[in-house]
Each structure stands twice: as structure tokens, then as C-alpha cells.
Protein backbone atom coordinates (compact mmCIF):
# COMPACT_ATOMS: atom_id res chain seq x y z
CA UNK A 1 -57.74 24.92 -11.49
CA UNK A 2 -55.66 23.75 -14.42
CA UNK A 3 -56.77 24.21 -18.02
CA UNK A 4 -55.17 22.44 -20.96
CA UNK A 5 -53.37 24.61 -23.51
CA UNK A 6 -53.97 22.94 -26.81
CA UNK A 7 -53.10 23.37 -30.44
CA UNK A 8 -55.57 22.16 -33.05
CA UNK A 9 -53.57 20.77 -35.94
CA UNK A 10 -56.37 19.72 -38.29
CA UNK A 11 -59.11 21.83 -39.81
CA UNK A 12 -61.38 18.85 -39.22
CA UNK A 13 -61.23 19.74 -35.55
CA UNK A 14 -63.42 22.78 -36.22
CA UNK A 15 -66.27 20.32 -36.06
CA UNK A 16 -64.70 18.41 -33.16
CA UNK A 17 -68.08 17.70 -31.64
CA UNK A 18 -68.63 14.98 -34.21
CA UNK A 19 -65.16 13.44 -33.84
CA UNK A 20 -64.60 10.43 -31.60
CA UNK A 21 -60.79 10.56 -31.68
CA UNK A 22 -59.00 13.29 -29.69
CA UNK A 23 -56.66 15.00 -32.14
CA UNK A 24 -55.31 17.68 -29.83
CA UNK A 25 -51.59 18.28 -29.28
CA UNK A 26 -51.03 19.29 -25.65
CA UNK A 27 -47.85 21.16 -24.73
CA UNK A 28 -48.70 22.19 -21.19
CA UNK A 29 -51.23 23.46 -18.68
CA UNK A 30 -52.39 26.79 -17.34
CA UNK A 31 -52.06 27.03 -13.57
CA UNK A 32 -52.75 29.87 -11.13
CA UNK A 33 -51.28 30.97 -7.84
CA UNK A 34 -52.56 33.66 -5.51
CA UNK A 35 -49.81 36.00 -4.37
CA UNK A 36 -50.24 37.60 -0.99
CA UNK A 37 -47.14 39.68 -1.71
CA UNK A 38 -48.65 41.18 -4.87
CA UNK A 39 -52.27 40.89 -3.65
CA UNK A 40 -53.41 39.29 -6.89
CA UNK A 41 -53.85 36.01 -8.73
CA UNK A 42 -51.04 35.17 -11.14
CA UNK A 43 -51.37 32.95 -14.17
CA UNK A 44 -48.66 30.44 -15.05
CA UNK A 45 -48.10 28.50 -18.26
CA UNK A 46 -46.46 25.18 -17.33
CA UNK A 47 -44.74 22.56 -19.45
CA UNK A 48 -43.59 19.30 -17.83
CA UNK A 49 -41.56 16.72 -19.80
CA UNK A 50 -43.21 13.36 -20.37
CA UNK A 51 -40.61 11.30 -18.52
CA UNK A 52 -40.70 8.68 -15.82
CA UNK A 53 -42.60 9.50 -12.66
CA UNK A 54 -39.44 9.46 -10.56
CA UNK A 55 -37.52 11.95 -12.71
CA UNK A 56 -36.95 15.55 -11.70
CA UNK A 57 -36.05 18.37 -14.06
CA UNK A 58 -34.31 21.77 -14.11
CA UNK A 59 -36.79 24.64 -14.34
CA UNK A 60 -36.74 27.44 -16.93
CA UNK A 61 -38.65 30.50 -15.67
CA UNK A 62 -39.80 32.77 -18.50
CA UNK A 63 -40.74 36.41 -18.00
CA UNK A 64 -43.42 37.68 -20.43
CA UNK A 65 -44.61 34.07 -20.45
CA UNK A 66 -47.57 34.70 -22.72
CA UNK A 67 -45.16 35.83 -25.43
CA UNK A 68 -42.37 33.27 -25.15
CA UNK A 69 -43.79 30.06 -23.66
CA UNK A 70 -44.74 28.27 -26.87
CA UNK A 71 -41.44 28.86 -28.64
CA UNK A 72 -39.44 27.89 -25.55
CA UNK A 73 -41.30 24.58 -25.29
CA UNK A 74 -40.56 23.90 -28.95
CA UNK A 75 -36.85 24.61 -28.48
CA UNK A 76 -36.51 22.42 -25.40
CA UNK A 77 -38.41 19.53 -26.96
CA UNK A 78 -36.50 19.77 -30.25
CA UNK A 79 -33.14 19.82 -28.45
CA UNK A 80 -33.88 16.94 -26.05
CA UNK A 81 -30.64 15.11 -25.31
CA UNK A 82 -28.50 18.03 -26.44
CA UNK A 83 -29.86 20.09 -23.54
CA UNK A 84 -31.71 18.64 -20.56
CA UNK A 85 -35.44 18.16 -20.52
CA UNK A 86 -36.84 21.03 -18.50
CA UNK A 87 -39.96 22.19 -16.77
CA UNK A 88 -40.92 25.55 -18.28
CA UNK A 89 -42.80 28.11 -16.20
CA UNK A 90 -44.12 31.05 -18.19
CA UNK A 91 -45.08 33.91 -15.87
CA UNK A 92 -47.99 35.79 -17.47
CA UNK A 93 -48.01 39.56 -17.01
CA UNK A 94 -50.57 41.59 -15.13
CA UNK A 95 -48.92 45.04 -14.80
CA UNK A 96 -45.73 44.64 -16.82
CA UNK A 97 -44.15 48.06 -16.19
CA UNK A 98 -44.66 47.58 -12.47
CA UNK A 99 -43.17 44.09 -12.15
CA UNK A 100 -40.28 44.30 -14.58
CA UNK A 101 -38.75 47.61 -13.49
CA UNK A 102 -36.49 47.74 -10.41
CA UNK A 103 -36.89 51.49 -9.80
CA UNK A 104 -39.63 54.11 -10.13
CA UNK A 105 -39.44 56.83 -12.78
CA UNK A 106 -41.71 59.84 -12.95
CA UNK A 107 -43.06 59.22 -16.45
CA UNK A 108 -44.40 55.77 -15.49
CA UNK A 109 -46.83 55.86 -12.58
CA UNK A 110 -46.83 52.10 -12.01
CA UNK A 111 -43.09 51.50 -12.34
CA UNK A 112 -40.69 50.36 -9.65
CA UNK A 113 -42.30 47.16 -8.38
CA UNK A 114 -39.48 44.90 -9.47
CA UNK A 115 -38.19 44.08 -5.99
CA UNK A 116 -41.66 43.10 -4.82
CA UNK A 117 -42.07 40.94 -7.92
CA UNK A 118 -38.79 39.15 -7.22
CA UNK A 119 -39.92 38.56 -3.65
CA UNK A 120 -43.04 36.92 -5.09
CA UNK A 121 -40.85 34.68 -7.27
CA UNK A 122 -38.53 33.73 -4.40
CA UNK A 123 -41.01 33.33 -1.55
CA UNK A 124 -44.13 32.13 -3.36
CA UNK A 125 -43.62 31.01 -6.95
CA UNK A 126 -40.48 28.87 -6.62
CA UNK A 127 -41.80 27.05 -3.50
CA UNK A 128 -45.11 26.47 -5.30
CA UNK A 129 -43.43 24.99 -8.37
CA UNK A 130 -41.18 22.83 -6.20
CA UNK A 131 -44.18 21.50 -4.29
CA UNK A 132 -46.47 20.81 -7.26
CA UNK A 133 -44.12 19.77 -10.06
CA UNK A 134 -41.07 17.44 -10.35
CA UNK A 135 -38.61 20.31 -10.07
CA UNK A 136 -34.90 19.80 -9.50
CA UNK A 137 -32.90 22.47 -7.63
CA UNK A 138 -31.47 24.04 -10.79
CA UNK A 139 -33.22 27.16 -12.09
CA UNK A 140 -32.79 29.35 -15.16
CA UNK A 141 -34.31 32.84 -15.52
CA UNK A 142 -34.93 34.20 -19.01
CA UNK A 143 -36.20 37.63 -20.00
CA UNK A 144 -36.37 39.95 -23.01
CA UNK A 145 -36.34 43.76 -22.99
CA UNK A 146 -37.75 44.85 -19.60
CA UNK A 147 -37.67 41.15 -18.77
CA UNK A 148 -33.95 41.23 -19.55
CA UNK A 149 -33.61 44.21 -17.22
CA UNK A 150 -35.18 42.07 -14.49
CA UNK A 151 -32.75 39.25 -15.28
CA UNK A 152 -29.75 41.55 -14.81
CA UNK A 153 -31.26 42.98 -11.61
CA UNK A 154 -31.67 39.45 -10.28
CA UNK A 155 -28.12 38.50 -11.22
CA UNK A 156 -26.69 41.53 -9.44
CA UNK A 157 -28.93 41.77 -6.40
CA UNK A 158 -30.47 38.31 -5.91
CA UNK A 159 -27.63 36.21 -7.25
CA UNK A 160 -28.46 32.98 -5.44
CA UNK A 161 -32.05 32.82 -6.65
CA UNK A 162 -31.13 31.25 -10.02
CA UNK A 163 -28.26 29.19 -11.34
CA UNK A 164 -28.28 30.58 -14.87
CA UNK A 165 -29.46 33.81 -16.47
CA UNK A 166 -30.55 34.71 -20.01
CA UNK A 167 -30.67 38.46 -20.69
CA UNK A 168 -32.03 39.14 -24.17
CA UNK A 169 -31.75 42.79 -25.20
CA UNK A 170 -32.02 43.94 -21.57
CA UNK A 171 -33.42 47.46 -21.23
CA UNK A 172 -30.47 48.72 -19.23
CA UNK A 173 -31.26 52.27 -20.34
CA UNK A 174 -33.98 52.31 -17.67
CA UNK A 175 -33.82 55.09 -15.07
CA UNK A 176 -30.80 56.83 -16.59
CA UNK A 177 -28.90 53.49 -16.83
CA UNK A 178 -28.96 53.04 -13.05
CA UNK A 179 -28.59 49.26 -13.15
CA UNK A 180 -25.85 49.47 -15.79
CA UNK A 181 -23.88 51.81 -13.56
CA UNK A 182 -24.31 49.43 -10.64
CA UNK A 183 -23.00 46.57 -12.78
CA UNK A 184 -19.96 48.58 -13.87
CA UNK A 185 -19.13 49.38 -10.24
CA UNK A 186 -19.95 46.06 -8.53
CA UNK A 187 -19.32 43.19 -10.97
CA UNK A 188 -15.82 42.70 -9.62
CA UNK A 189 -17.02 42.27 -6.04
CA UNK A 190 -20.10 40.04 -6.50
CA UNK A 191 -19.66 36.32 -5.89
CA UNK A 192 -20.92 34.72 -9.10
CA UNK A 193 -19.35 31.31 -8.60
CA UNK A 194 -21.17 28.50 -10.40
CA UNK A 195 -23.42 31.02 -12.15
CA UNK A 196 -23.90 31.27 -15.92
CA UNK A 197 -25.04 34.18 -18.08
CA UNK A 198 -25.90 34.66 -21.74
CA UNK A 199 -26.47 38.15 -23.17
CA UNK A 200 -28.09 38.75 -26.57
CA UNK A 201 -27.71 42.00 -28.52
CA UNK A 202 -29.87 42.84 -31.56
CA UNK A 203 -28.97 45.19 -34.38
CA UNK A 204 -31.06 48.28 -33.67
CA UNK A 205 -28.67 50.57 -35.51
CA UNK A 206 -29.57 52.54 -38.64
CA UNK A 207 -27.65 51.85 -41.87
CA UNK A 208 -24.07 53.07 -41.81
CA UNK A 209 -23.79 53.02 -38.02
CA UNK A 210 -21.50 50.50 -36.29
CA UNK A 211 -21.10 49.46 -32.65
CA UNK A 212 -18.51 52.17 -32.06
CA UNK A 213 -20.29 55.16 -33.59
CA UNK A 214 -23.66 54.11 -32.17
CA UNK A 215 -22.49 55.13 -28.71
CA UNK A 216 -22.53 58.75 -29.91
CA UNK A 217 -26.03 58.47 -31.40
CA UNK A 218 -27.86 59.87 -28.38
CA UNK A 219 -30.70 61.40 -30.43
CA UNK A 220 -32.01 58.11 -31.86
CA UNK A 221 -34.29 56.40 -29.35
CA UNK A 222 -34.16 53.17 -31.36
CA UNK A 223 -30.54 52.70 -30.39
CA UNK A 224 -30.94 53.25 -26.63
CA UNK A 225 -31.02 49.53 -25.85
CA UNK A 226 -27.83 48.95 -27.82
CA UNK A 227 -26.16 51.93 -26.17
CA UNK A 228 -26.80 50.39 -22.75
CA UNK A 229 -26.14 46.70 -23.48
CA UNK A 230 -22.79 47.23 -25.21
CA UNK A 231 -21.27 48.92 -22.11
CA UNK A 232 -22.63 46.05 -19.98
CA UNK A 233 -20.84 43.51 -22.17
CA UNK A 234 -17.69 45.65 -22.09
CA UNK A 235 -17.85 45.70 -18.29
CA UNK A 236 -18.10 41.91 -18.24
CA UNK A 237 -15.07 41.67 -20.53
CA UNK A 238 -13.02 44.15 -18.53
CA UNK A 239 -13.90 42.95 -15.05
CA UNK A 240 -13.97 39.20 -15.78
CA UNK A 241 -16.28 38.53 -12.79
CA UNK A 242 -14.92 35.87 -10.47
CA UNK A 243 -16.10 32.37 -11.47
CA UNK A 244 -18.90 33.63 -13.75
CA UNK A 245 -19.33 31.52 -16.88
CA UNK A 246 -20.72 33.85 -19.51
CA UNK A 247 -21.00 34.61 -23.20
CA UNK A 248 -22.77 37.05 -25.50
CA UNK A 249 -23.86 37.20 -29.13
CA UNK A 250 -24.62 40.03 -31.53
CA UNK A 251 -27.41 39.37 -34.04
CA UNK A 252 -26.79 41.56 -37.12
CA UNK A 253 -30.00 40.46 -38.87
CA UNK A 254 -32.37 40.83 -35.91
CA UNK A 255 -34.08 43.80 -34.31
CA UNK A 256 -35.19 44.27 -30.72
CA UNK A 257 -38.58 42.77 -31.46
CA UNK A 258 -37.40 39.77 -33.47
CA UNK A 259 -34.30 38.53 -31.65
CA UNK A 260 -35.94 36.54 -28.86
CA UNK A 261 -36.42 33.20 -30.64
CA UNK A 262 -32.88 32.83 -31.98
CA UNK A 263 -31.39 34.16 -28.76
CA UNK A 264 -33.34 31.74 -26.55
CA UNK A 265 -32.09 28.83 -28.65
CA UNK A 266 -28.48 30.03 -28.60
CA UNK A 267 -28.63 30.78 -24.88
CA UNK A 268 -29.84 27.30 -23.96
CA UNK A 269 -27.26 25.72 -26.26
CA UNK A 270 -24.54 27.74 -24.54
CA UNK A 271 -25.72 27.24 -20.97
CA UNK A 272 -25.81 23.47 -21.44
CA UNK A 273 -23.01 22.97 -23.97
CA UNK A 274 -21.48 20.37 -21.66
CA UNK A 275 -24.65 18.28 -21.36
CA UNK A 276 -24.64 16.05 -24.46
CA UNK A 277 -23.27 12.52 -24.05
CA UNK A 278 -21.81 11.54 -27.40
CA UNK A 279 -22.43 7.89 -28.13
CA UNK A 280 -20.27 8.08 -31.26
CA UNK A 281 -17.16 8.47 -29.08
CA UNK A 282 -17.12 4.68 -28.82
CA UNK A 283 -17.07 4.13 -32.58
CA UNK A 284 -13.78 2.45 -33.43
CA UNK A 285 -12.70 2.42 -29.77
CA UNK A 286 -13.66 -0.97 -28.31
CA UNK A 287 -11.04 -0.48 -25.58
CA UNK A 288 -13.21 2.15 -23.88
CA UNK A 289 -15.26 0.98 -20.91
CA UNK A 290 -18.72 2.34 -21.65
CA UNK A 291 -19.90 2.18 -18.06
CA UNK A 292 -16.86 4.10 -16.78
CA UNK A 293 -17.15 6.82 -19.44
CA UNK A 294 -20.86 7.16 -18.72
CA UNK A 295 -20.25 7.42 -14.97
CA UNK A 296 -17.58 10.10 -15.44
CA UNK A 297 -19.82 12.19 -17.69
CA UNK A 298 -22.74 12.14 -15.28
CA UNK A 299 -20.51 12.89 -12.31
CA UNK A 300 -19.45 16.03 -14.22
CA UNK A 301 -23.11 16.89 -14.87
CA UNK A 302 -23.95 16.35 -11.21
CA UNK A 303 -21.11 18.67 -10.16
CA UNK A 304 -22.35 21.37 -12.56
CA UNK A 305 -26.02 21.05 -11.60
CA UNK A 306 -25.38 20.75 -7.88
CA UNK A 307 -27.40 17.56 -7.44
CA UNK A 308 -27.20 13.96 -8.62
CA UNK A 309 -28.01 13.64 -12.32
CA UNK A 310 -28.55 10.12 -13.63
CA UNK A 311 -28.51 9.01 -17.28
CA UNK A 312 -31.87 8.59 -18.94
CA UNK A 313 -33.36 5.16 -19.42
CA UNK A 314 -33.19 5.51 -23.20
CA UNK A 315 -29.48 6.43 -23.16
CA UNK A 316 -28.54 3.51 -20.92
CA UNK A 317 -30.67 1.18 -23.04
CA UNK A 318 -28.97 2.35 -26.23
CA UNK A 319 -25.50 1.88 -24.73
CA UNK A 320 -26.41 -1.58 -23.47
CA UNK A 321 -27.38 -2.70 -26.97
CA UNK A 322 -24.16 -1.12 -28.27
CA UNK A 323 -22.06 -3.18 -25.86
CA UNK A 324 -23.97 -6.32 -26.72
CA UNK A 325 -23.45 -5.63 -30.41
CA UNK A 326 -19.65 -5.37 -30.05
CA UNK A 327 -19.48 -8.60 -28.01
CA UNK A 328 -19.20 -7.10 -24.54
CA UNK A 329 -21.97 -9.06 -22.82
CA UNK A 330 -20.83 -8.30 -19.25
CA UNK A 331 -20.95 -4.53 -19.84
CA UNK A 332 -24.26 -4.92 -21.67
CA UNK A 333 -25.80 -6.86 -18.79
CA UNK A 334 -24.57 -4.29 -16.27
CA UNK A 335 -26.31 -1.52 -18.21
CA UNK A 336 -29.54 -3.49 -18.78
CA UNK A 337 -29.57 -4.29 -15.05
CA UNK A 338 -29.02 -0.63 -14.16
CA UNK A 339 -32.20 0.31 -16.01
CA UNK A 340 -34.13 -2.37 -14.14
CA UNK A 341 -32.84 -1.04 -10.82
CA UNK A 342 -33.37 2.64 -11.67
CA UNK A 343 -36.70 2.22 -13.46
CA UNK A 344 -38.53 -0.74 -11.85
CA UNK A 345 -41.84 0.36 -13.37
CA UNK A 346 -40.52 0.51 -16.94
CA UNK A 347 -41.96 -2.15 -19.24
CA UNK A 348 -39.30 -1.37 -21.82
CA UNK A 349 -36.45 -1.97 -19.35
CA UNK A 350 -37.73 -5.49 -18.65
CA UNK A 351 -38.40 -6.11 -22.34
CA UNK A 352 -34.80 -5.17 -23.19
CA UNK A 353 -33.22 -7.38 -20.57
CA UNK A 354 -35.60 -10.12 -21.70
CA UNK A 355 -34.12 -9.83 -25.19
CA UNK A 356 -30.65 -10.05 -23.71
CA UNK A 357 -31.48 -13.19 -21.76
CA UNK A 358 -33.11 -14.75 -24.82
CA UNK A 359 -30.08 -13.92 -26.94
CA UNK A 360 -27.66 -15.43 -24.43
CA UNK A 361 -29.68 -18.64 -24.06
CA UNK A 362 -31.14 -17.98 -20.60
CA UNK A 363 -34.68 -18.95 -21.56
CA UNK A 364 -36.31 -19.01 -18.14
CA UNK A 365 -34.91 -15.60 -17.16
CA UNK A 366 -36.09 -14.21 -20.49
CA UNK A 367 -39.61 -15.57 -19.89
CA UNK A 368 -39.66 -13.98 -16.44
CA UNK A 369 -38.48 -10.62 -17.80
CA UNK A 370 -41.03 -10.60 -20.64
CA UNK A 371 -43.79 -11.58 -18.22
CA UNK A 372 -42.83 -8.76 -15.88
CA UNK A 373 -42.78 -6.33 -18.82
CA UNK A 374 -46.28 -7.35 -19.86
CA UNK A 375 -47.55 -6.96 -16.29
CA UNK A 376 -46.46 -3.33 -16.48
CA UNK A 377 -47.67 -2.63 -20.03
CA UNK A 378 -49.22 -4.92 -22.63
CA UNK A 379 -47.52 -4.59 -26.02
CA UNK A 380 -47.92 -6.69 -29.15
CA UNK A 381 -44.17 -7.02 -29.69
CA UNK A 382 -43.36 -8.24 -26.17
CA UNK A 383 -46.32 -10.65 -26.22
CA UNK A 384 -45.09 -12.08 -29.52
CA UNK A 385 -41.56 -12.59 -28.23
CA UNK A 386 -42.85 -14.28 -25.08
CA UNK A 387 -45.09 -16.70 -26.97
CA UNK A 388 -42.35 -17.56 -29.45
CA UNK A 389 -39.94 -18.25 -26.61
CA UNK A 390 -42.40 -20.50 -24.79
CA UNK A 391 -42.88 -22.68 -27.88
CA UNK A 392 -39.17 -22.86 -28.58
CA UNK A 393 -37.49 -26.13 -27.54
């Protein structure tokens, strides 16, 4: 059963029983899945973009979902167009130390269930999300602290499960740095082609200590994360893993517990720094063929994502009006027509091509396009344009 996650943005809503208008802001749903592998019910926090019904989206899987879901949704929505719209799946914890640790240690009775947890993700969770949500076959895994440890474990030992990895302050100190040692020994031999990684490092060092001297500070438990992540980054620099696209960032003004928000933003910006289609590239360059440039960009995106990525309706619509505005009616028509073909249930697509027909003197085609638009969605503006066109001689 799904339950709406809602934010109440007005104090008036305290007495919502007497309000007729729904003033809630909905960012997602709570879903549940029963895991036979873990023998328990797992709670998921799900955000799905409000796009066309035929669109499919990359999926961002968040460990410690109850902590990071809301901020991740805000980042993805705020950066729409700069990074792709994404489905966000926040995995809510049950026994955190069990699920997010790859090995058992004696001072934690429940630890060491990480491999079983990853089997749950691969065999149950991912198939469930693919079956119930408009998921594309491009997946990102993000985790902080022990979640970051799980991210690195997945990268090293279950490489094909995700396309991109975000390791924020990964707790690579776990079990006497066992996973760190594995990374140092095996990074050169693991096939990481078409994989991406972002590593975030917070400043957990006391005043007067730098990234060199901190490696000798074995008595300060606050620096143990730093003392394990820095060697991991050094190994990545030294080994230069084959085909891995990766980057890292040190946050001098953030601590282990505060770095997640900034790091998530920077990670997504880095992972998708090739995504943005810059419309301003055509400014002052009328010689450029908009349709050809658009096709080349989305072929590149499709190659990177591993499946066909098509431009959004809004982008194509904007470019069509641009071409029309610089007196390239043939290119404009081609783009308006593409939206009709790709989004046959879009009222706006028919309204836009109706405006084009009206502007080029094709009255009957404009009437037909406006009529079709109104059959899909009644709007005051389209109705007005249709009536004005009908009365025009």
C-alpha cells in the first residue's frame, strides 16, 4: 500500500479539516516490498518525475533513505535540465549495521550482512522498481558513511549492478580497512568501463592538522574516516583504473555529519556534466542546423546512458520557436512535427504547431491542430486562439 509523503506549507493547514482546497505539496510516495532474502518487509521512499506517461528515467538509489530522500529530491528537481530527471528510491533502514557492512566484526553482533543486502537489491528491489515505475536501465547508487562503504563494496565486487557510484565519506576504516586494502590491490584489474564514481571527503581533522600529518594521527578516532578515504583516493590516482570516469572533492568547511547535502549536489553535477543542452550555442550562429546539433547531442547521451535518450518535449518546443523566430520555418516545422510524433497525447504540442500554422497562413491546419489540442486538454488560451481564428476572414 502506498502512502503519500506530504509537506504542509501553511499554518492554516493545521485546521485542514475545515479547508476545501488541498494545499499539500507532494514529493513522493512510501512503498513497501517484502524481501524473502532478508525475511522482512522493507520500506521505500519513491519520487517519480511528473513527465509524460511514455517517458522513462534513470534511477537514483539512496542508502539511509530516511535521512537523504528529501534533500535528494530537492536537488534533482532544482537541477532539472542540467541533470536528467530521475526516479529516486530511498531505501529505509531496518538494521543498519547489518545491511551496510560487508564483513562481520566481533564488537558488532549484527554486522556483516552487506552481501545479503546487495543480493536483495539486485534480485528483488531493482526488478520491483523496474516493474512498477518508469525506470530506464541506468542506475546510480549513493551512500554516506557506512552507506559509502556499501557503495565502494558494490563498485569493487558487484560492478555491473550500477552505472554510477557516489561514495560520500565512506567508512573504509571498517574491519581493519579490509575493503580499502582490496581496492588498493585490485583496482588495476577490475573492468570499470563505462562506470562513473564520485568520492567526497569531509574535513574531520583538528586545527593545525593537514592531509599529510593526519595519516599519523592514529589516536584520534574522529580522523579515522579521513585516514581511510585519503588512501583510497590515492589508489585511484596511482592506478588510474581502466575506463573509470571518476573525481573527488575535499570539503574544508564540512564535517562527516554535515557533508552529505553539498556532496550529493556536486556528485550529481559531476556524473551528468555532459547532459545539459545549451540553447545559447545558437545565439549569433544562424548557420548552425539546430536539428543536426540536437541529434548529435542526444546520440552522445544515448551512448553514455546505454539506451536511446530523446530530447524532452519542452526543449524541442523551445528550439522550434527559436528557429521560427530567426526565419527558419522548415527547421521550425520539423521540430514542431517531431513533438507531435513523439508526444501524440500532448495538448501543448498540438497548440504549438497550431500557432505555427496560424502564423504561416495555413488556417485550416491551424484550426485542426487547435481542435485536437482542446480534445486532449481544455485551456482558455487555446480556446481563445481557436475562436479568433474561426472568425478571421
